[in-house]
Amino acid sequence: MKMAKATAADLKAAMAVTAILEGLDRQWLPAGLAEKFGDDRFDIDNPEHLREVARLILVVASTGSIGRVAYGMLALLDPRNEMVDPAADTLEVHPRFERCEQERRRLRAALDEIAHSNRTKTGLKELAKEALFPAEVPA
């Protein structure tokens, strides 16, 4: 799954809308509306509160794409993309990247050794074979 990457404006809009929604969930009006109504408590049965909150959410959301943020996270977490460790409860890089990094370091070390080696052509071939095919090298 591929998705356009969220921009800074998208992230800012998503965080602002999230803050509004989480405040409403705790029955708090957003700051500007609390001042307008002279009360900081959100009343879901008050049509004015609902209208102004909806208007504010739409205005704030229009400053970015919340969809890009949400669907971008969905793409990031999609197991087919192997970006995030599926076994972790936190956002951790997928284990395959650690294996790739270990392989890169091993090959880099072999290349450095080849570059600074006084070995014969046969010795360099053996060193390269060991680096490229470690499982095939006799123990």
Protein backbone atom coordinates (compact mmCIF):
# COMPACT_ATOMS: atom_id res chain seq x y z
CA MET A 1 0.00 0.00 0.00
CA LYS A 2 1.35 3.40 -0.95
CA MET A 3 0.13 6.77 0.21
CA ALA A 4 1.22 10.38 -0.22
CA LYS A 5 3.33 11.54 2.70
CA ALA A 6 1.66 13.98 5.09
CA THR A 7 3.01 17.54 5.00
CA ALA A 8 3.81 19.68 8.03
CA ALA A 9 0.48 21.48 7.46
CA ASP A 10 -1.36 18.14 7.39
CA LEU A 11 0.22 17.08 10.68
CA LYS A 12 -0.52 20.45 12.29
CA ALA A 13 -4.18 20.30 11.17
CA ALA A 14 -4.56 16.71 12.40
CA MET A 15 -3.07 17.58 15.78
CA ALA A 16 -5.32 20.64 16.12
CA VAL A 17 -8.48 18.70 15.22
CA THR A 18 -7.42 15.92 17.58
CA ALA A 19 -6.97 18.43 20.40
CA ILE A 20 -10.44 19.85 19.74
CA LEU A 21 -12.05 16.40 19.67
CA GLU A 22 -10.27 15.22 22.80
CA GLY A 23 -11.33 18.38 24.61
CA LEU A 24 -14.93 17.88 23.52
CA ASP A 25 -14.75 14.28 24.72
CA ARG A 26 -13.94 15.69 28.15
CA GLN A 27 -16.78 18.21 27.74
CA TRP A 28 -14.47 21.22 27.24
CA LEU A 29 -15.11 23.85 24.59
CA PRO A 30 -12.13 24.97 22.51
CA ALA A 31 -10.52 28.15 23.90
CA GLY A 32 -11.98 30.61 21.38
CA LEU A 33 -15.48 29.23 21.80
CA ALA A 34 -15.22 29.17 25.58
CA GLU A 35 -14.55 32.90 25.46
CA LYS A 36 -17.43 33.46 23.02
CA PHE A 37 -19.93 31.56 25.18
CA GLY A 38 -18.51 32.73 28.50
CA ASP A 39 -18.27 29.13 29.67
CA ASP A 40 -15.66 26.45 29.04
CA ARG A 41 -18.04 23.47 29.32
CA PHE A 42 -19.27 21.86 26.10
CA ASP A 43 -23.00 21.09 26.08
CA ILE A 44 -23.82 18.54 23.38
CA ASP A 45 -27.51 19.46 23.66
CA ASN A 46 -26.80 23.14 22.88
CA PRO A 47 -27.35 23.73 19.13
CA GLU A 48 -25.10 26.83 19.20
CA HIS A 49 -22.26 24.82 20.70
CA LEU A 50 -22.70 22.11 18.07
CA ARG A 51 -22.84 24.58 15.18
CA GLU A 52 -19.78 26.54 16.33
CA VAL A 53 -17.76 23.42 17.15
CA ALA A 54 -18.58 21.92 13.73
CA ARG A 55 -17.61 25.19 12.04
CA LEU A 56 -14.32 25.34 13.97
CA ILE A 57 -13.45 21.73 13.18
CA LEU A 58 -14.10 22.32 9.48
CA VAL A 59 -11.99 25.50 9.45
CA VAL A 60 -9.09 23.87 11.28
CA ALA A 61 -9.30 20.68 9.19
CA SER A 62 -9.22 22.72 5.96
CA THR A 63 -5.67 23.87 6.73
CA GLY A 64 -4.32 20.42 5.86
CA SER A 65 -5.30 16.91 4.90
CA ILE A 66 -6.27 14.80 7.88
CA GLY A 67 -6.85 11.97 5.42
CA ARG A 68 -3.19 12.01 4.39
CA VAL A 69 -2.22 11.72 8.05
CA ALA A 70 -4.66 8.89 8.82
CA TYR A 71 -4.14 6.94 5.61
CA GLY A 72 -0.41 7.55 5.77
CA MET A 73 -0.35 5.91 9.19
CA LEU A 74 -2.47 3.08 7.82
CA ALA A 75 0.08 2.56 5.03
CA LEU A 76 2.96 2.72 7.51
CA LEU A 77 1.34 0.09 9.72
CA ASP A 78 0.26 -2.17 6.85
CA PRO A 79 2.11 -5.48 7.46
CA ARG A 80 2.67 -5.91 3.72
CA ASN A 81 4.95 -2.87 3.74
CA GLU A 82 7.18 -4.31 6.50
CA MET A 83 7.98 -0.86 7.86
CA VAL A 84 6.94 -1.28 11.51
CA ASP A 85 7.65 -4.22 13.82
CA PRO A 86 4.33 -6.08 14.00
CA ALA A 87 5.26 -7.61 17.37
CA ALA A 88 5.94 -4.27 19.09
CA ASP A 89 3.35 -2.23 20.98
CA THR A 90 5.20 0.97 20.07
CA LEU A 91 6.35 2.31 16.72
CA GLU A 92 9.55 0.35 16.16
CA VAL A 93 11.33 -0.19 12.89
CA HIS A 94 10.67 -3.58 11.29
CA PRO A 95 13.26 -6.26 12.22
CA ARG A 96 14.23 -6.66 8.56
CA PHE A 97 15.93 -3.27 8.72
CA GLU A 98 18.18 -4.47 11.54
CA ARG A 99 19.11 -7.51 9.44
CA CYS A 100 19.79 -5.23 6.46
CA GLU A 101 22.00 -3.00 8.62
CA GLN A 102 23.94 -6.01 9.95
CA GLU A 103 24.46 -7.24 6.39
CA ARG A 104 25.55 -3.78 5.24
CA ARG A 105 28.11 -3.56 8.05
CA ARG A 106 29.43 -7.05 7.31
CA LEU A 107 29.83 -6.27 3.62
CA ARG A 108 31.36 -2.85 4.36
CA ALA A 109 33.94 -4.50 6.62
CA ALA A 110 34.76 -7.03 3.91
CA LEU A 111 35.13 -4.28 1.31
CA ASP A 112 37.38 -2.30 3.65
CA GLU A 113 39.51 -5.37 4.22
CA ILE A 114 39.73 -6.02 0.48
CA ALA A 115 40.65 -2.40 -0.19
CA HIS A 116 43.46 -2.48 2.38
CA SER A 117 44.56 -6.06 1.83
CA ASN A 118 47.90 -7.37 0.62
CA ARG A 119 46.30 -10.70 -0.29
CA THR A 120 46.83 -12.43 -3.59
CA LYS A 121 44.12 -12.55 -6.20
CA THR A 122 43.09 -16.00 -4.91
CA GLY A 123 43.05 -14.71 -1.33
CA LEU A 124 40.87 -11.78 -2.34
CA LYS A 125 38.47 -14.13 -4.13
CA GLU A 126 38.18 -16.22 -0.96
CA LEU A 127 37.63 -13.11 1.16
CA ALA A 128 34.93 -11.89 -1.24
CA LYS A 129 33.30 -15.33 -1.25
CA GLU A 130 33.29 -15.38 2.57
CA ALA A 131 31.72 -11.93 2.64
CA LEU A 132 29.06 -12.63 0.03
CA PHE A 133 28.22 -16.22 0.93
CA PRO A 134 28.99 -16.70 4.64
CA ALA A 135 26.85 -19.85 4.99
CA GLU A 136 28.76 -21.64 2.23
CA VAL A 137 32.16 -21.19 3.85
CA PRO A 138 33.28 -24.42 5.56
CA ALA A 139 33.54 -24.18 9.34
